[in-house]
């Protein structure tokens, strides 16, 4: 799951949310800002390419998006690459919709990566081993620049998780004693 936001300021708010399930099914929603949401950073807009005008015209009402997030993802584990930021924006979205701000919690993608490696190896990886596998996976999937759009970023996280699992299943790098030697 991934959010795009108006900025990284304290009063920032979510402007787009997307998620991708393990099987590749996905959803993406532009979010029409709630009336009190006024923060806007032109530098952030330059990165994601969205405008307040487009959000007003094409965005879905924030309360409907909030309900859709809970309805669709509530029964599942939801992983995000930036839990503190994504958690903040989920909280802002839920509160604006009159829903409990802790109605859903995120897990860091690092937990999903560690679980994929542990499943393939039959044991928990050391932190160094996990870092090695994730680094190789990042190199492998880094064929496209980050687009800073919620669906593209969520899809990239799914590809990374799958690659972590593929590399671990290939026993790369499985070094039972810890970190492999580096030249």
N, C-alpha and C. Protein backbone atom coordinates (compact mmCIF):
# COMPACT_ATOMS: atom_id res chain seq x y z
N UNK A 1 0.85 -1.17 0.00
CA UNK A 1 0.00 0.00 0.00
C UNK A 1 0.89 1.22 0.00
N UNK A 2 0.40 2.30 -0.61
CA UNK A 2 1.17 3.53 -0.64
C UNK A 2 0.23 4.72 -0.71
N UNK A 3 0.65 5.80 -0.08
CA UNK A 3 -0.03 7.09 -0.16
C UNK A 3 0.87 8.10 -0.85
N UNK A 4 0.27 9.03 -1.55
CA UNK A 4 0.93 10.27 -1.95
C UNK A 4 0.25 11.36 -1.14
N UNK A 5 0.98 12.43 -0.86
CA UNK A 5 0.44 13.45 0.03
C UNK A 5 0.71 14.85 -0.49
N UNK A 6 0.03 15.80 0.13
CA UNK A 6 0.14 17.20 -0.26
C UNK A 6 1.53 17.75 0.01
N UNK A 7 2.21 17.21 1.02
CA UNK A 7 3.56 17.65 1.38
C UNK A 7 4.06 16.71 2.46
N UNK A 8 5.18 17.08 3.06
CA UNK A 8 5.68 16.35 4.23
C UNK A 8 5.53 17.20 5.49
N UNK A 9 4.71 18.24 5.43
CA UNK A 9 4.50 19.13 6.56
C UNK A 9 3.58 18.47 7.60
N UNK A 10 3.55 19.04 8.79
CA UNK A 10 2.68 18.51 9.85
C UNK A 10 1.21 18.50 9.44
N UNK A 11 0.79 19.50 8.66
CA UNK A 11 -0.62 19.56 8.27
C UNK A 11 -0.87 18.97 6.88
N UNK A 12 0.03 18.10 6.43
CA UNK A 12 -0.16 17.44 5.14
C UNK A 12 -1.33 16.46 5.22
N UNK A 13 -1.80 16.06 4.07
CA UNK A 13 -2.94 15.15 3.98
C UNK A 13 -2.78 14.26 2.76
N UNK A 14 -3.49 13.12 2.75
CA UNK A 14 -3.36 12.19 1.63
C UNK A 14 -4.10 12.71 0.39
N UNK A 15 -3.48 12.54 -0.76
CA UNK A 15 -4.11 12.95 -2.01
C UNK A 15 -4.33 11.77 -2.95
N UNK A 16 -3.65 10.66 -2.66
CA UNK A 16 -3.81 9.45 -3.48
C UNK A 16 -3.44 8.25 -2.62
N UNK A 17 -4.16 7.16 -2.81
CA UNK A 17 -3.85 5.92 -2.13
C UNK A 17 -4.02 4.78 -3.13
N UNK A 18 -3.16 3.78 -3.00
CA UNK A 18 -3.26 2.60 -3.86
C UNK A 18 -2.72 1.40 -3.11
N UNK A 19 -3.19 0.24 -3.53
CA UNK A 19 -2.68 -1.00 -2.95
C UNK A 19 -2.67 -2.07 -4.02
N UNK A 20 -1.81 -3.05 -3.79
CA UNK A 20 -1.68 -4.19 -4.69
C UNK A 20 -1.67 -5.44 -3.81
N UNK A 21 -2.53 -6.39 -4.14
CA UNK A 21 -2.54 -7.65 -3.43
C UNK A 21 -1.48 -8.58 -4.00
N UNK A 22 -1.15 -9.64 -3.25
CA UNK A 22 -0.15 -10.61 -3.70
C UNK A 22 -0.44 -11.14 -5.10
N UNK A 23 -1.71 -11.31 -5.43
CA UNK A 23 -2.07 -11.88 -6.73
C UNK A 23 -2.09 -10.84 -7.85
N UNK A 24 -1.72 -9.59 -7.55
CA UNK A 24 -1.64 -8.55 -8.56
C UNK A 24 -2.87 -7.67 -8.68
N UNK A 25 -3.99 -8.07 -8.04
CA UNK A 25 -5.15 -7.19 -8.05
C UNK A 25 -4.78 -5.89 -7.38
N UNK A 26 -5.31 -4.77 -7.90
CA UNK A 26 -4.93 -3.48 -7.34
C UNK A 26 -6.08 -2.50 -7.41
N UNK A 27 -5.94 -1.44 -6.62
CA UNK A 27 -6.86 -0.31 -6.67
C UNK A 27 -6.05 0.95 -6.46
N UNK A 28 -6.53 2.01 -7.06
CA UNK A 28 -5.91 3.32 -6.88
C UNK A 28 -7.02 4.35 -6.80
N UNK A 29 -6.87 5.32 -5.88
CA UNK A 29 -7.90 6.33 -5.68
C UNK A 29 -7.27 7.70 -5.50
N UNK A 30 -7.64 8.64 -6.35
CA UNK A 30 -7.32 10.04 -6.09
C UNK A 30 -8.29 10.51 -5.01
N UNK A 31 -7.82 11.32 -4.09
CA UNK A 31 -8.64 11.74 -2.97
C UNK A 31 -8.94 13.23 -3.08
N UNK A 32 -10.22 13.55 -3.16
CA UNK A 32 -10.63 14.95 -3.14
C UNK A 32 -10.41 15.49 -1.73
N UNK A 33 -9.66 16.56 -1.58
CA UNK A 33 -9.36 17.07 -0.23
C UNK A 33 -10.62 17.46 0.54
N UNK A 34 -10.61 17.12 1.83
CA UNK A 34 -11.67 17.58 2.73
C UNK A 34 -11.56 19.10 2.85
N UNK A 35 -12.65 19.80 3.09
CA UNK A 35 -12.61 21.27 3.14
C UNK A 35 -11.50 21.87 4.02
N UNK A 36 -11.22 21.31 5.22
CA UNK A 36 -10.18 21.96 6.02
C UNK A 36 -8.74 21.67 5.55
N UNK A 37 -8.58 20.79 4.59
CA UNK A 37 -7.24 20.44 4.13
C UNK A 37 -6.78 21.51 3.13
N UNK A 38 -5.84 22.32 3.52
CA UNK A 38 -5.38 23.41 2.65
C UNK A 38 -3.90 23.35 2.33
N UNK A 39 -3.13 22.56 3.06
CA UNK A 39 -1.68 22.46 2.82
C UNK A 39 -1.41 22.07 1.37
N UNK A 40 -0.40 22.69 0.76
CA UNK A 40 0.00 22.29 -0.60
C UNK A 40 1.44 22.72 -0.82
N UNK A 41 2.27 21.80 -1.24
CA UNK A 41 3.67 22.08 -1.50
C UNK A 41 3.95 21.93 -2.99
N UNK A 42 4.32 23.02 -3.67
CA UNK A 42 4.61 22.93 -5.10
C UNK A 42 5.73 21.96 -5.44
N UNK A 43 6.69 21.80 -4.52
CA UNK A 43 7.78 20.84 -4.78
C UNK A 43 7.26 19.41 -4.76
N UNK A 44 6.37 19.10 -3.82
CA UNK A 44 5.76 17.76 -3.80
C UNK A 44 4.92 17.55 -5.05
N UNK A 45 4.18 18.59 -5.45
CA UNK A 45 3.36 18.50 -6.66
C UNK A 45 4.22 18.24 -7.89
N UNK A 46 5.40 18.84 -7.93
CA UNK A 46 6.30 18.61 -9.06
C UNK A 46 6.75 17.14 -9.11
N UNK A 47 6.85 16.50 -7.95
CA UNK A 47 7.26 15.10 -7.90
C UNK A 47 6.13 14.16 -8.34
N UNK A 48 4.93 14.35 -7.80
CA UNK A 48 3.84 13.42 -8.12
C UNK A 48 3.02 13.86 -9.33
N UNK A 49 3.13 15.11 -9.72
CA UNK A 49 2.45 15.57 -10.93
C UNK A 49 0.96 15.82 -10.79
N UNK A 50 0.46 15.83 -9.57
CA UNK A 50 -0.96 16.07 -9.36
C UNK A 50 -1.18 17.52 -8.95
N UNK A 51 -2.34 18.05 -9.29
CA UNK A 51 -2.70 19.41 -8.90
C UNK A 51 -3.94 19.38 -8.01
N UNK A 52 -4.10 20.43 -7.23
CA UNK A 52 -5.32 20.53 -6.40
C UNK A 52 -6.56 20.58 -7.29
N UNK A 53 -6.42 21.21 -8.45
CA UNK A 53 -7.55 21.29 -9.38
C UNK A 53 -7.96 19.90 -9.86
N UNK A 54 -6.97 19.08 -10.20
CA UNK A 54 -7.28 17.72 -10.66
C UNK A 54 -7.91 16.92 -9.53
N UNK A 55 -7.39 17.06 -8.32
CA UNK A 55 -7.97 16.34 -7.19
C UNK A 55 -9.42 16.76 -6.98
N UNK A 56 -9.70 18.06 -7.12
CA UNK A 56 -11.06 18.54 -6.98
C UNK A 56 -11.99 18.01 -8.05
N UNK A 57 -11.47 17.91 -9.26
CA UNK A 57 -12.29 17.47 -10.39
C UNK A 57 -12.41 15.95 -10.48
N UNK A 58 -11.31 15.22 -10.26
CA UNK A 58 -11.29 13.77 -10.48
C UNK A 58 -11.23 12.96 -9.20
N UNK A 59 -10.90 13.60 -8.08
CA UNK A 59 -10.76 12.87 -6.83
C UNK A 59 -12.09 12.37 -6.30
N UNK A 60 -12.02 11.28 -5.57
CA UNK A 60 -13.20 10.73 -4.92
C UNK A 60 -13.33 11.38 -3.55
N UNK A 61 -14.55 11.53 -3.04
CA UNK A 61 -14.72 12.10 -1.71
C UNK A 61 -13.89 11.34 -0.67
N UNK A 62 -13.22 12.08 0.19
CA UNK A 62 -12.31 11.47 1.16
C UNK A 62 -13.00 10.43 2.03
N UNK A 63 -14.26 10.66 2.41
CA UNK A 63 -14.94 9.70 3.28
C UNK A 63 -15.22 8.38 2.57
N UNK A 64 -15.51 8.44 1.27
CA UNK A 64 -15.74 7.21 0.52
C UNK A 64 -14.44 6.42 0.36
N UNK A 65 -13.35 7.14 0.14
CA UNK A 65 -12.05 6.46 0.02
C UNK A 65 -11.68 5.82 1.35
N UNK A 66 -11.89 6.52 2.44
CA UNK A 66 -11.58 5.97 3.76
C UNK A 66 -12.35 4.68 4.01
N UNK A 67 -13.63 4.70 3.69
CA UNK A 67 -14.45 3.49 3.90
C UNK A 67 -13.99 2.35 2.98
N UNK A 68 -13.60 2.68 1.76
CA UNK A 68 -13.12 1.66 0.84
C UNK A 68 -11.83 1.03 1.34
N UNK A 69 -10.94 1.84 1.87
CA UNK A 69 -9.68 1.32 2.42
C UNK A 69 -9.99 0.31 3.53
N UNK A 70 -10.84 0.70 4.47
CA UNK A 70 -11.15 -0.21 5.58
C UNK A 70 -11.89 -1.45 5.12
N UNK A 71 -12.84 -1.27 4.22
CA UNK A 71 -13.62 -2.40 3.72
C UNK A 71 -12.74 -3.40 2.98
N UNK A 72 -11.82 -2.91 2.17
CA UNK A 72 -11.00 -3.78 1.33
C UNK A 72 -9.79 -4.33 2.06
N UNK A 73 -9.14 -3.49 2.85
CA UNK A 73 -7.87 -3.90 3.46
C UNK A 73 -7.99 -4.28 4.93
N UNK A 74 -9.08 -3.91 5.57
CA UNK A 74 -9.24 -4.17 6.99
C UNK A 74 -8.98 -5.61 7.40
N UNK A 75 -9.47 -6.59 6.63
CA UNK A 75 -9.26 -7.98 7.03
C UNK A 75 -7.85 -8.52 6.69
N UNK A 76 -7.01 -7.72 6.09
CA UNK A 76 -5.70 -8.18 5.63
C UNK A 76 -4.56 -7.48 6.37
N UNK A 77 -3.38 -8.08 6.29
CA UNK A 77 -2.18 -7.38 6.72
C UNK A 77 -1.81 -6.42 5.61
N UNK A 78 -1.58 -5.18 5.96
CA UNK A 78 -1.20 -4.17 4.97
C UNK A 78 0.23 -3.73 5.26
N UNK A 79 1.08 -3.83 4.24
CA UNK A 79 2.48 -3.48 4.38
C UNK A 79 2.77 -2.18 3.63
N UNK A 80 3.58 -1.34 4.26
CA UNK A 80 3.98 -0.07 3.66
C UNK A 80 5.48 0.12 3.88
N UNK A 81 6.10 0.85 2.97
CA UNK A 81 7.54 1.08 3.09
C UNK A 81 7.88 2.18 4.07
N UNK A 82 6.93 3.06 4.36
CA UNK A 82 7.16 4.16 5.31
C UNK A 82 6.02 4.21 6.32
N UNK A 83 6.03 3.30 7.30
CA UNK A 83 4.88 3.19 8.21
C UNK A 83 4.52 4.48 8.95
N UNK A 84 5.50 5.27 9.35
CA UNK A 84 5.14 6.48 10.10
C UNK A 84 4.43 7.48 9.20
N UNK A 85 4.92 7.69 7.98
CA UNK A 85 4.26 8.63 7.07
C UNK A 85 2.91 8.09 6.60
N UNK A 86 2.90 6.85 6.12
CA UNK A 86 1.65 6.28 5.62
C UNK A 86 0.62 6.16 6.74
N UNK A 87 1.08 5.83 7.95
CA UNK A 87 0.18 5.77 9.09
C UNK A 87 -0.40 7.13 9.43
N UNK A 88 0.41 8.17 9.32
CA UNK A 88 -0.07 9.54 9.55
C UNK A 88 -1.18 9.88 8.57
N UNK A 89 -0.94 9.59 7.28
CA UNK A 89 -1.93 9.96 6.26
C UNK A 89 -3.19 9.11 6.36
N UNK A 90 -3.05 7.84 6.74
CA UNK A 90 -4.24 7.03 6.97
C UNK A 90 -5.04 7.62 8.13
N UNK A 91 -4.36 8.01 9.18
CA UNK A 91 -5.03 8.60 10.33
C UNK A 91 -5.77 9.88 9.95
N UNK A 92 -5.12 10.74 9.17
CA UNK A 92 -5.76 11.98 8.71
C UNK A 92 -7.01 11.65 7.90
N UNK A 93 -6.90 10.68 6.99
CA UNK A 93 -8.03 10.28 6.15
C UNK A 93 -9.18 9.73 6.99
N UNK A 94 -8.86 8.84 7.92
CA UNK A 94 -9.91 8.24 8.74
C UNK A 94 -10.59 9.27 9.64
N UNK A 95 -9.81 10.12 10.28
CA UNK A 95 -10.40 11.15 11.16
C UNK A 95 -11.31 12.07 10.38
N UNK A 96 -10.88 12.48 9.18
CA UNK A 96 -11.71 13.38 8.37
C UNK A 96 -13.03 12.73 7.98
N UNK A 97 -13.03 11.40 7.90
CA UNK A 97 -14.24 10.66 7.53
C UNK A 97 -15.06 10.29 8.77
N UNK A 98 -14.61 10.71 9.94
CA UNK A 98 -15.34 10.38 11.16
C UNK A 98 -15.16 8.95 11.61
N UNK A 99 -14.09 8.32 11.18
CA UNK A 99 -13.81 6.92 11.52
C UNK A 99 -12.68 6.87 12.55
N UNK A 100 -12.63 5.81 13.34
CA UNK A 100 -11.55 5.71 14.33
C UNK A 100 -10.18 5.71 13.65
N UNK A 101 -9.28 6.55 14.14
CA UNK A 101 -7.98 6.70 13.48
C UNK A 101 -7.11 5.46 13.59
N UNK A 102 -7.41 4.57 14.53
CA UNK A 102 -6.63 3.34 14.67
C UNK A 102 -7.41 2.12 14.15
N UNK A 103 -8.34 2.34 13.25
CA UNK A 103 -9.15 1.25 12.73
C UNK A 103 -8.32 0.27 11.91
N UNK A 104 -7.13 0.68 11.52
CA UNK A 104 -6.26 -0.17 10.71
C UNK A 104 -4.83 0.19 11.04
N UNK A 105 -3.97 -0.81 11.04
CA UNK A 105 -2.54 -0.60 11.32
C UNK A 105 -1.73 -1.16 10.17
N UNK A 106 -0.58 -0.54 9.96
CA UNK A 106 0.33 -1.01 8.92
C UNK A 106 1.49 -1.78 9.52
N UNK A 107 2.07 -2.64 8.70
CA UNK A 107 3.31 -3.31 9.04
C UNK A 107 4.37 -2.83 8.05
N UNK A 108 5.61 -2.74 8.49
CA UNK A 108 6.68 -2.33 7.57
C UNK A 108 6.98 -3.44 6.57
N UNK A 109 7.28 -3.05 5.35
CA UNK A 109 7.60 -4.04 4.32
C UNK A 109 8.79 -4.91 4.72
N UNK A 110 9.66 -4.40 5.58
CA UNK A 110 10.80 -5.20 6.04
C UNK A 110 10.33 -6.50 6.70
N UNK A 111 9.18 -6.47 7.37
CA UNK A 111 8.64 -7.69 7.98
C UNK A 111 8.23 -8.70 6.90
N UNK A 112 7.64 -8.22 5.82
CA UNK A 112 7.26 -9.12 4.73
C UNK A 112 8.50 -9.71 4.07
N UNK A 113 9.53 -8.89 3.92
CA UNK A 113 10.79 -9.38 3.32
C UNK A 113 11.40 -10.46 4.22
N UNK A 114 11.47 -10.20 5.51
CA UNK A 114 12.05 -11.17 6.45
C UNK A 114 11.25 -12.48 6.44
N UNK A 115 9.92 -12.37 6.37
CA UNK A 115 9.08 -13.57 6.34
C UNK A 115 9.31 -14.38 5.07
N UNK A 116 9.49 -13.70 3.94
CA UNK A 116 9.73 -14.39 2.67
C UNK A 116 11.06 -15.15 2.72
N UNK A 117 12.07 -14.52 3.29
CA UNK A 117 13.38 -15.18 3.39
C UNK A 117 13.30 -16.34 4.37
N UNK A 118 12.66 -16.13 5.50
CA UNK A 118 12.54 -17.19 6.50
C UNK A 118 11.79 -18.40 5.94
N UNK A 119 10.76 -18.15 5.17
CA UNK A 119 10.01 -19.25 4.58
C UNK A 119 10.89 -20.05 3.62
N UNK A 120 11.67 -19.36 2.81
CA UNK A 120 12.53 -20.04 1.84
C UNK A 120 13.68 -20.79 2.51
N UNK A 121 14.24 -20.22 3.55
CA UNK A 121 15.41 -20.80 4.20
C UNK A 121 15.08 -21.74 5.35
N UNK A 122 13.85 -21.69 5.84
CA UNK A 122 13.48 -22.51 6.98
C UNK A 122 14.04 -21.98 8.29
N UNK A 123 14.47 -20.74 8.29
CA UNK A 123 15.00 -20.09 9.49
C UNK A 123 14.94 -18.58 9.29
N UNK A 124 15.01 -17.86 10.38
CA UNK A 124 15.04 -16.41 10.30
C UNK A 124 16.40 -15.95 9.77
N UNK A 125 16.41 -15.01 8.85
CA UNK A 125 17.71 -14.48 8.42
C UNK A 125 18.27 -13.54 9.47
N UNK A 126 19.58 -13.43 9.50
CA UNK A 126 20.18 -12.41 10.36
C UNK A 126 19.89 -11.06 9.72
N UNK A 127 20.01 -9.98 10.47
CA UNK A 127 19.82 -8.65 9.85
C UNK A 127 20.74 -8.42 8.65
N UNK A 128 21.98 -8.87 8.74
CA UNK A 128 22.91 -8.69 7.62
C UNK A 128 22.49 -9.52 6.40
N UNK A 129 22.04 -10.75 6.65
CA UNK A 129 21.59 -11.58 5.54
C UNK A 129 20.37 -10.97 4.86
N UNK A 130 19.44 -10.49 5.67
CA UNK A 130 18.25 -9.87 5.11
C UNK A 130 18.63 -8.64 4.29
N UNK A 131 19.52 -7.84 4.82
CA UNK A 131 19.97 -6.65 4.09
C UNK A 131 20.59 -7.04 2.75
N UNK A 132 21.39 -8.11 2.74
CA UNK A 132 22.01 -8.56 1.49
C UNK A 132 20.96 -8.96 0.45
N UNK A 133 19.98 -9.75 0.87
CA UNK A 133 18.95 -10.21 -0.06
C UNK A 133 18.14 -9.03 -0.58
N UNK A 134 17.73 -8.13 0.31
CA UNK A 134 16.91 -6.99 -0.09
C UNK A 134 17.71 -6.06 -1.01
N UNK A 135 18.97 -5.87 -0.72
CA UNK A 135 19.80 -5.02 -1.59
C UNK A 135 19.89 -5.61 -2.99
N UNK A 136 20.14 -6.92 -3.09
CA UNK A 136 20.18 -7.56 -4.41
C UNK A 136 18.83 -7.46 -5.12
N UNK A 137 17.77 -7.63 -4.36
CA UNK A 137 16.43 -7.53 -4.96
C UNK A 137 16.16 -6.12 -5.46
N UNK A 138 16.56 -5.11 -4.68
CA UNK A 138 16.36 -3.72 -5.11
C UNK A 138 17.10 -3.45 -6.41
N UNK A 139 18.30 -3.95 -6.52
CA UNK A 139 19.07 -3.77 -7.75
C UNK A 139 18.35 -4.43 -8.91
N UNK A 140 17.80 -5.60 -8.66
CA UNK A 140 17.13 -6.36 -9.71
C UNK A 140 15.85 -5.69 -10.21
N UNK A 141 15.09 -5.08 -9.30
CA UNK A 141 13.81 -4.49 -9.71
C UNK A 141 13.91 -3.00 -10.02
N UNK A 142 15.07 -2.42 -9.86
CA UNK A 142 15.23 -0.98 -10.07
C UNK A 142 15.40 -0.63 -11.54
N UNK A 143 14.54 -1.17 -12.37
CA UNK A 143 14.64 -0.90 -13.80
C UNK A 143 13.93 0.39 -14.19
N UNK A 144 13.02 0.85 -13.34
CA UNK A 144 12.27 2.07 -13.63
C UNK A 144 12.49 3.06 -12.50
N UNK A 145 12.54 4.34 -12.81
CA UNK A 145 12.64 5.32 -11.73
C UNK A 145 11.34 5.36 -10.92
N UNK A 146 11.46 5.72 -9.66
CA UNK A 146 10.27 5.86 -8.82
C UNK A 146 9.42 6.99 -9.39
N UNK A 147 8.13 6.71 -9.56
CA UNK A 147 7.23 7.69 -10.20
C UNK A 147 6.55 8.60 -9.20
N UNK A 148 6.60 8.26 -7.93
CA UNK A 148 5.89 9.03 -6.90
C UNK A 148 4.40 9.14 -7.19
N UNK A 149 3.85 8.03 -7.65
CA UNK A 149 2.41 7.87 -7.74
C UNK A 149 2.10 6.61 -6.95
N UNK A 150 0.99 6.63 -6.25
CA UNK A 150 0.69 5.57 -5.29
C UNK A 150 0.67 4.18 -5.90
N UNK A 151 0.00 3.99 -7.04
CA UNK A 151 -0.09 2.65 -7.61
C UNK A 151 1.27 2.18 -8.13
N UNK A 152 2.00 3.04 -8.80
CA UNK A 152 3.33 2.65 -9.30
C UNK A 152 4.24 2.27 -8.14
N UNK A 153 4.19 3.04 -7.06
CA UNK A 153 5.04 2.75 -5.91
C UNK A 153 4.61 1.45 -5.21
N UNK A 154 3.31 1.23 -5.06
CA UNK A 154 2.82 0.00 -4.45
C UNK A 154 3.18 -1.20 -5.31
N UNK A 155 3.06 -1.06 -6.62
CA UNK A 155 3.42 -2.14 -7.53
C UNK A 155 4.92 -2.45 -7.45
N UNK A 156 5.72 -1.42 -7.33
CA UNK A 156 7.18 -1.63 -7.20
C UNK A 156 7.48 -2.38 -5.90
N UNK A 157 6.77 -2.07 -4.84
CA UNK A 157 6.97 -2.79 -3.58
C UNK A 157 6.58 -4.26 -3.72
N UNK A 158 5.52 -4.56 -4.46
CA UNK A 158 5.14 -5.95 -4.70
C UNK A 158 6.23 -6.66 -5.49
N UNK A 159 6.75 -6.01 -6.54
CA UNK A 159 7.83 -6.62 -7.32
C UNK A 159 9.06 -6.88 -6.45
N UNK A 160 9.37 -5.94 -5.56
CA UNK A 160 10.51 -6.11 -4.67
C UNK A 160 10.30 -7.31 -3.75
N UNK A 161 9.12 -7.41 -3.14
CA UNK A 161 8.82 -8.53 -2.25
C UNK A 161 8.93 -9.86 -2.99
N UNK A 162 8.39 -9.91 -4.20
CA UNK A 162 8.48 -11.14 -4.99
C UNK A 162 9.93 -11.49 -5.30
N UNK A 163 10.74 -10.47 -5.61
CA UNK A 163 12.14 -10.71 -5.93
C UNK A 163 12.92 -11.16 -4.70
N UNK A 164 12.61 -10.60 -3.54
CA UNK A 164 13.23 -11.07 -2.30
C UNK A 164 12.94 -12.55 -2.13
N UNK A 165 11.69 -12.95 -2.31
CA UNK A 165 11.32 -14.36 -2.19
C UNK A 165 12.01 -15.23 -3.22
N UNK A 166 12.11 -14.74 -4.45
CA UNK A 166 12.77 -15.51 -5.52
C UNK A 166 14.26 -15.71 -5.21
N UNK A 167 14.92 -14.64 -4.80
CA UNK A 167 16.34 -14.75 -4.47
C UNK A 167 16.56 -15.68 -3.28
N UNK A 168 15.72 -15.55 -2.27
CA UNK A 168 15.86 -16.42 -1.10
C UNK A 168 15.63 -17.88 -1.48
N UNK A 169 14.63 -18.14 -2.32
CA UNK A 169 14.37 -19.51 -2.76
C UNK A 169 15.53 -20.07 -3.59
N UNK A 170 16.26 -19.18 -4.25
CA UNK A 170 17.44 -19.59 -5.01
C UNK A 170 18.66 -19.74 -4.11
N UNK A 171 18.43 -19.50 -2.80
CA UNK A 171 19.48 -19.59 -1.80
C UNK A 171 20.56 -18.54 -2.00
N UNK A 172 20.15 -17.38 -2.48
CA UNK A 172 21.09 -16.28 -2.72
C UNK A 172 20.72 -15.12 -1.82
N UNK A 173 21.58 -14.58 -1.07
CA UNK A 173 22.78 -15.21 -0.53
C UNK A 173 22.42 -15.89 0.79
N UNK A 174 22.59 -17.17 0.88
CA UNK A 174 22.33 -17.90 2.12
C UNK A 174 23.66 -18.29 2.72
N UNK A 175 24.05 -17.57 3.71
CA UNK A 175 25.32 -17.83 4.37
C UNK A 175 25.05 -18.06 5.84
N UNK A 176 24.98 -19.36 6.24
CA UNK A 176 24.55 -19.70 7.59
C UNK A 176 25.31 -19.00 8.70
N UNK A 177 26.55 -18.64 8.47
CA UNK A 177 27.34 -18.02 9.53
C UNK A 177 27.14 -16.52 9.63
N UNK A 178 26.33 -15.94 8.80
CA UNK A 178 26.14 -14.50 8.84
C UNK A 178 26.53 -13.86 7.53
N UNK A 179 26.98 -12.63 7.60
CA UNK A 179 27.28 -11.83 6.42
C UNK A 179 28.39 -12.47 5.59
N UNK A 180 28.18 -12.46 4.30
CA UNK A 180 29.20 -13.05 3.43
C UNK A 180 30.37 -12.09 3.30
N UNK A 181 31.51 -12.63 2.96
CA UNK A 181 32.70 -11.79 2.79
C UNK A 181 32.53 -10.87 1.60
N UNK A 182 33.06 -9.70 1.74
CA UNK A 182 32.98 -8.71 0.66
C UNK A 182 34.37 -8.40 0.19
N UNK A 183 34.51 -8.20 -1.11
CA UNK A 183 35.82 -7.85 -1.66
C UNK A 183 36.01 -6.37 -1.66
